[in-house]
Amino acid sequence: MTMRPATAQAYRNELALTDAAQARGALDVAFAHLERAHILGQRDTLAHARSHWRMLRLGWTRRDRREILGQLPRIVAALTKSLIWVPTGNTGGANVNPFKPMPVPGDLRPFLD
């Protein structure tokens, strides 16, 4: 599935904010932006997988074993299951159940409707 242009732009903006936060060493802020990118991109197979890949890389940077191990099956699932079903609003980190729908932040709702 292809994202609408406004959703794709919001997704790219979150990735840019991730990069900026990571460059200044604000790794928790960077991860929060990746979670937002995940919410926006999870219905697009490649964007969904990219979000998880970036979470894996950030987990590596943080030396967060749980995040690294948690992202590996999520990447596979993103590549193979995104078109079938995704839990709306799920932030995608290893700290949450991958099957749990979660509330969508208010500012992201218009991009998902």
N, C-alpha and C. Protein backbone atom coordinates (compact mmCIF):
# COMPACT_ATOMS: atom_id res chain seq x y z
N MET A 1 0.85 -1.17 0.00
CA MET A 1 0.00 0.00 0.00
C MET A 1 0.89 1.24 0.00
N THR A 2 0.50 2.23 -0.73
CA THR A 2 1.24 3.47 -0.80
C THR A 2 0.58 4.51 0.10
N MET A 3 1.40 5.24 0.82
CA MET A 3 0.89 6.28 1.71
C MET A 3 0.41 7.47 0.90
N ARG A 4 -0.60 8.15 1.44
CA ARG A 4 -1.02 9.41 0.85
C ARG A 4 0.16 10.39 0.94
N PRO A 5 0.24 11.36 0.04
CA PRO A 5 1.37 12.30 0.06
C PRO A 5 1.55 13.01 1.41
N ALA A 6 0.49 13.46 2.04
CA ALA A 6 0.62 14.16 3.32
C ALA A 6 1.15 13.23 4.41
N THR A 7 0.71 11.98 4.38
CA THR A 7 1.18 11.00 5.36
C THR A 7 2.65 10.68 5.11
N ALA A 8 3.01 10.52 3.85
CA ALA A 8 4.40 10.24 3.50
C ALA A 8 5.31 11.39 3.94
N GLN A 9 4.84 12.63 3.76
CA GLN A 9 5.63 13.79 4.17
C GLN A 9 5.78 13.82 5.69
N ALA A 10 4.71 13.54 6.42
CA ALA A 10 4.78 13.50 7.88
C ALA A 10 5.73 12.40 8.35
N TYR A 11 5.70 11.27 7.66
CA TYR A 11 6.62 10.16 7.97
C TYR A 11 8.07 10.61 7.76
N ARG A 12 8.33 11.22 6.62
CA ARG A 12 9.70 11.70 6.35
C ARG A 12 10.13 12.76 7.36
N ASN A 13 9.21 13.61 7.76
CA ASN A 13 9.53 14.63 8.78
C ASN A 13 9.95 13.97 10.09
N GLU A 14 9.24 12.92 10.49
CA GLU A 14 9.60 12.23 11.73
C GLU A 14 10.98 11.59 11.61
N LEU A 15 11.30 11.05 10.45
CA LEU A 15 12.64 10.47 10.26
C LEU A 15 13.71 11.57 10.31
N ALA A 16 13.42 12.73 9.74
CA ALA A 16 14.37 13.85 9.79
C ALA A 16 14.56 14.32 11.23
N LEU A 17 13.47 14.37 11.99
CA LEU A 17 13.58 14.73 13.42
C LEU A 17 14.36 13.68 14.19
N THR A 18 14.21 12.42 13.79
CA THR A 18 15.00 11.34 14.39
C THR A 18 16.49 11.60 14.15
N ASP A 19 16.83 11.89 12.91
CA ASP A 19 18.24 12.12 12.57
C ASP A 19 18.81 13.31 13.33
N ALA A 20 18.04 14.38 13.42
CA ALA A 20 18.51 15.58 14.12
C ALA A 20 18.72 15.29 15.60
N ALA A 21 17.78 14.59 16.22
CA ALA A 21 17.91 14.26 17.64
C ALA A 21 19.10 13.33 17.87
N GLN A 22 19.26 12.36 17.00
CA GLN A 22 20.38 11.43 17.15
C GLN A 22 21.71 12.15 16.98
N ALA A 23 21.79 13.10 16.06
CA ALA A 23 23.02 13.84 15.82
C ALA A 23 23.44 14.64 17.05
N ARG A 24 22.48 15.11 17.82
CA ARG A 24 22.82 15.87 19.02
C ARG A 24 22.89 14.98 20.28
N GLY A 25 22.78 13.67 20.07
CA GLY A 25 22.93 12.73 21.18
C GLY A 25 21.68 12.53 22.02
N ALA A 26 20.54 13.03 21.55
CA ALA A 26 19.27 12.88 22.28
C ALA A 26 18.60 11.59 21.80
N LEU A 27 19.13 10.46 22.25
CA LEU A 27 18.70 9.17 21.72
C LEU A 27 17.27 8.81 22.12
N ASP A 28 16.83 9.21 23.32
CA ASP A 28 15.44 8.95 23.71
C ASP A 28 14.47 9.76 22.85
N VAL A 29 14.83 10.98 22.54
CA VAL A 29 14.00 11.82 21.67
C VAL A 29 13.99 11.22 20.27
N ALA A 30 15.13 10.76 19.80
CA ALA A 30 15.21 10.13 18.48
C ALA A 30 14.29 8.92 18.42
N PHE A 31 14.29 8.11 19.47
CA PHE A 31 13.45 6.92 19.47
C PHE A 31 11.98 7.30 19.47
N ALA A 32 11.62 8.34 20.20
CA ALA A 32 10.22 8.80 20.22
C ALA A 32 9.77 9.21 18.82
N HIS A 33 10.64 9.83 18.05
CA HIS A 33 10.29 10.20 16.68
C HIS A 33 10.18 8.96 15.79
N LEU A 34 10.99 7.95 16.05
CA LEU A 34 10.86 6.70 15.30
C LEU A 34 9.52 6.03 15.61
N GLU A 35 9.09 6.11 16.85
CA GLU A 35 7.78 5.54 17.21
C GLU A 35 6.67 6.25 16.43
N ARG A 36 6.77 7.56 16.32
CA ARG A 36 5.77 8.32 15.56
C ARG A 36 5.84 7.96 14.07
N ALA A 37 7.05 7.79 13.55
CA ALA A 37 7.20 7.37 12.15
C ALA A 37 6.58 5.99 11.95
N HIS A 38 6.76 5.12 12.93
CA HIS A 38 6.18 3.78 12.85
C HIS A 38 4.67 3.85 12.75
N ILE A 39 4.05 4.66 13.58
CA ILE A 39 2.59 4.80 13.55
C ILE A 39 2.14 5.26 12.17
N LEU A 40 2.84 6.22 11.61
CA LEU A 40 2.47 6.76 10.30
C LEU A 40 2.72 5.78 9.16
N GLY A 41 3.77 5.00 9.26
CA GLY A 41 4.18 4.16 8.14
C GLY A 41 3.79 2.71 8.20
N GLN A 42 3.10 2.28 9.25
CA GLN A 42 2.92 0.85 9.42
C GLN A 42 1.98 0.20 8.40
N ARG A 43 1.23 0.96 7.63
CA ARG A 43 0.38 0.35 6.59
C ARG A 43 1.09 0.28 5.24
N ASP A 44 2.29 0.79 5.18
CA ASP A 44 3.12 0.73 3.97
C ASP A 44 4.29 -0.20 4.29
N THR A 45 4.37 -1.30 3.58
CA THR A 45 5.33 -2.35 3.91
C THR A 45 6.76 -1.83 4.07
N LEU A 46 7.24 -1.09 3.09
CA LEU A 46 8.64 -0.64 3.15
C LEU A 46 8.85 0.41 4.25
N ALA A 47 7.91 1.34 4.39
CA ALA A 47 8.03 2.35 5.45
C ALA A 47 7.96 1.67 6.82
N HIS A 48 7.10 0.69 6.95
CA HIS A 48 6.96 -0.04 8.21
C HIS A 48 8.28 -0.75 8.56
N ALA A 49 8.81 -1.48 7.59
CA ALA A 49 10.07 -2.20 7.81
C ALA A 49 11.21 -1.22 8.09
N ARG A 50 11.21 -0.08 7.38
CA ARG A 50 12.26 0.93 7.60
C ARG A 50 12.22 1.46 9.03
N SER A 51 11.03 1.67 9.55
CA SER A 51 10.90 2.14 10.93
C SER A 51 11.53 1.14 11.90
N HIS A 52 11.20 -0.13 11.69
CA HIS A 52 11.77 -1.16 12.57
C HIS A 52 13.29 -1.28 12.39
N TRP A 53 13.77 -1.18 11.16
CA TRP A 53 15.21 -1.22 10.89
C TRP A 53 15.92 -0.10 11.63
N ARG A 54 15.32 1.11 11.56
CA ARG A 54 15.91 2.26 12.25
C ARG A 54 15.88 2.05 13.77
N MET A 55 14.81 1.44 14.28
CA MET A 55 14.74 1.14 15.71
C MET A 55 15.84 0.14 16.10
N LEU A 56 16.07 -0.84 15.26
CA LEU A 56 17.14 -1.81 15.49
C LEU A 56 18.49 -1.10 15.54
N ARG A 57 18.74 -0.23 14.57
CA ARG A 57 20.02 0.49 14.53
C ARG A 57 20.18 1.39 15.76
N LEU A 58 19.11 2.06 16.15
CA LEU A 58 19.19 2.92 17.33
C LEU A 58 19.37 2.08 18.59
N GLY A 59 18.72 0.93 18.62
CA GLY A 59 18.94 0.00 19.73
C GLY A 59 20.41 -0.42 19.82
N TRP A 60 21.02 -0.63 18.67
CA TRP A 60 22.44 -0.99 18.63
C TRP A 60 23.28 0.17 19.18
N THR A 61 22.97 1.37 18.74
CA THR A 61 23.70 2.56 19.22
C THR A 61 23.57 2.70 20.73
N ARG A 62 22.38 2.41 21.24
CA ARG A 62 22.12 2.53 22.68
C ARG A 62 22.62 1.30 23.46
N ARG A 63 23.07 0.30 22.74
CA ARG A 63 23.49 -0.97 23.34
C ARG A 63 22.34 -1.60 24.15
N ASP A 64 21.16 -1.52 23.56
CA ASP A 64 19.94 -2.01 24.19
C ASP A 64 19.60 -3.38 23.61
N ARG A 65 20.04 -4.41 24.31
CA ARG A 65 19.88 -5.79 23.84
C ARG A 65 18.41 -6.14 23.60
N ARG A 66 17.55 -5.69 24.49
CA ARG A 66 16.11 -5.99 24.36
C ARG A 66 15.56 -5.40 23.06
N GLU A 67 15.96 -4.18 22.76
CA GLU A 67 15.47 -3.53 21.54
C GLU A 67 16.01 -4.24 20.30
N ILE A 68 17.27 -4.60 20.32
CA ILE A 68 17.88 -5.29 19.19
C ILE A 68 17.15 -6.60 18.92
N LEU A 69 17.01 -7.42 19.96
CA LEU A 69 16.36 -8.72 19.79
C LEU A 69 14.87 -8.58 19.48
N GLY A 70 14.24 -7.56 20.00
CA GLY A 70 12.82 -7.34 19.74
C GLY A 70 12.53 -6.86 18.33
N GLN A 71 13.47 -6.15 17.74
CA GLN A 71 13.24 -5.61 16.40
C GLN A 71 13.43 -6.64 15.30
N LEU A 72 14.24 -7.65 15.52
CA LEU A 72 14.49 -8.64 14.47
C LEU A 72 13.20 -9.31 13.99
N PRO A 73 12.38 -9.88 14.87
CA PRO A 73 11.13 -10.47 14.36
C PRO A 73 10.14 -9.42 13.86
N ARG A 74 10.21 -8.22 14.39
CA ARG A 74 9.32 -7.15 13.93
C ARG A 74 9.63 -6.74 12.49
N ILE A 75 10.90 -6.76 12.13
CA ILE A 75 11.27 -6.45 10.75
C ILE A 75 10.68 -7.50 9.80
N VAL A 76 10.83 -8.76 10.16
CA VAL A 76 10.28 -9.84 9.34
C VAL A 76 8.76 -9.69 9.23
N ALA A 77 8.11 -9.44 10.35
CA ALA A 77 6.65 -9.28 10.34
C ALA A 77 6.23 -8.07 9.50
N ALA A 78 6.97 -6.99 9.60
CA ALA A 78 6.64 -5.80 8.82
C ALA A 78 6.72 -6.09 7.32
N LEU A 79 7.70 -6.87 6.93
CA LEU A 79 7.87 -7.20 5.51
C LEU A 79 6.84 -8.20 5.00
N THR A 80 6.28 -9.00 5.90
CA THR A 80 5.39 -10.07 5.45
C THR A 80 3.93 -9.89 5.86
N LYS A 81 3.64 -9.06 6.85
CA LYS A 81 2.27 -8.97 7.37
C LYS A 81 1.62 -7.60 7.25
N SER A 82 2.35 -6.57 6.85
CA SER A 82 1.83 -5.20 6.83
C SER A 82 0.55 -5.06 6.01
N LEU A 83 0.44 -5.80 4.94
CA LEU A 83 -0.74 -5.67 4.09
C LEU A 83 -1.94 -6.45 4.62
N ILE A 84 -1.70 -7.34 5.57
CA ILE A 84 -2.77 -8.17 6.12
C ILE A 84 -3.43 -7.47 7.31
N TRP A 85 -2.63 -7.08 8.28
CA TRP A 85 -3.17 -6.45 9.50
C TRP A 85 -2.03 -5.78 10.26
N VAL A 86 -2.32 -4.62 10.81
CA VAL A 86 -1.41 -3.94 11.73
C VAL A 86 -2.23 -3.40 12.90
N PRO A 87 -1.66 -3.40 14.10
CA PRO A 87 -2.36 -2.84 15.25
C PRO A 87 -2.25 -1.32 15.24
N THR A 88 -3.31 -0.66 14.88
CA THR A 88 -3.32 0.80 14.74
C THR A 88 -2.76 1.47 15.99
N GLY A 89 -1.89 2.43 15.78
CA GLY A 89 -1.33 3.22 16.86
C GLY A 89 -0.16 2.58 17.59
N ASN A 90 0.11 1.32 17.32
CA ASN A 90 1.21 0.64 18.00
C ASN A 90 2.51 1.35 17.69
N THR A 91 3.30 1.63 18.72
CA THR A 91 4.51 2.42 18.55
C THR A 91 5.72 1.63 18.03
N GLY A 92 5.64 0.30 18.04
CA GLY A 92 6.64 -0.51 17.37
C GLY A 92 7.89 -0.86 18.15
N GLY A 93 8.07 -0.28 19.33
CA GLY A 93 9.26 -0.60 20.11
C GLY A 93 9.16 -1.96 20.78
N ALA A 94 10.29 -2.48 21.19
CA ALA A 94 10.31 -3.78 21.85
C ALA A 94 9.68 -3.73 23.24
N ASN A 95 9.38 -2.54 23.72
CA ASN A 95 8.77 -2.39 25.04
C ASN A 95 7.25 -2.54 25.02
N VAL A 96 6.67 -2.75 23.82
CA VAL A 96 5.22 -2.93 23.72
C VAL A 96 4.89 -4.23 22.98
N ASN A 97 3.76 -4.81 23.31
CA ASN A 97 3.28 -6.00 22.64
C ASN A 97 3.05 -5.66 21.16
N PRO A 98 3.64 -6.42 20.25
CA PRO A 98 3.52 -6.08 18.83
C PRO A 98 2.11 -6.23 18.27
N PHE A 99 1.21 -6.85 19.01
CA PHE A 99 -0.15 -7.06 18.54
C PHE A 99 -1.15 -6.11 19.17
N LYS A 100 -0.68 -5.22 20.05
CA LYS A 100 -1.58 -4.36 20.81
C LYS A 100 -1.88 -3.05 20.08
N PRO A 101 -3.16 -2.83 19.73
CA PRO A 101 -3.53 -1.51 19.21
C PRO A 101 -3.36 -0.48 20.33
N MET A 102 -2.98 0.72 19.96
CA MET A 102 -2.74 1.77 20.94
C MET A 102 -3.40 3.06 20.44
N PRO A 103 -3.67 3.99 21.35
CA PRO A 103 -4.25 5.26 20.91
C PRO A 103 -3.28 6.00 19.97
N VAL A 104 -3.84 6.59 18.94
CA VAL A 104 -3.04 7.37 18.00
C VAL A 104 -2.95 8.80 18.55
N PRO A 105 -1.74 9.36 18.63
CA PRO A 105 -1.63 10.75 19.08
C PRO A 105 -2.52 11.66 18.23
N GLY A 106 -3.15 12.62 18.88
CA GLY A 106 -4.10 13.49 18.20
C GLY A 106 -3.56 14.16 16.95
N ASP A 107 -2.30 14.60 16.99
CA ASP A 107 -1.76 15.29 15.82
C ASP A 107 -1.47 14.36 14.65
N LEU A 108 -1.44 13.04 14.89
CA LEU A 108 -1.20 12.08 13.81
C LEU A 108 -2.49 11.53 13.23
N ARG A 109 -3.60 11.64 13.96
CA ARG A 109 -4.88 11.09 13.51
C ARG A 109 -5.28 11.50 12.10
N PRO A 110 -5.16 12.80 11.75
CA PRO A 110 -5.59 13.19 10.40
C PRO A 110 -4.84 12.48 9.28
N PHE A 111 -3.62 12.06 9.57
CA PHE A 111 -2.83 11.37 8.54
C PHE A 111 -3.26 9.92 8.34
N LEU A 112 -3.98 9.38 9.31
CA LEU A 112 -4.37 7.96 9.24
C LEU A 112 -5.83 7.76 8.87
N ASP A 113 -6.60 8.83 8.84
CA ASP A 113 -8.02 8.70 8.49
C ASP A 113 -8.22 8.51 7.00
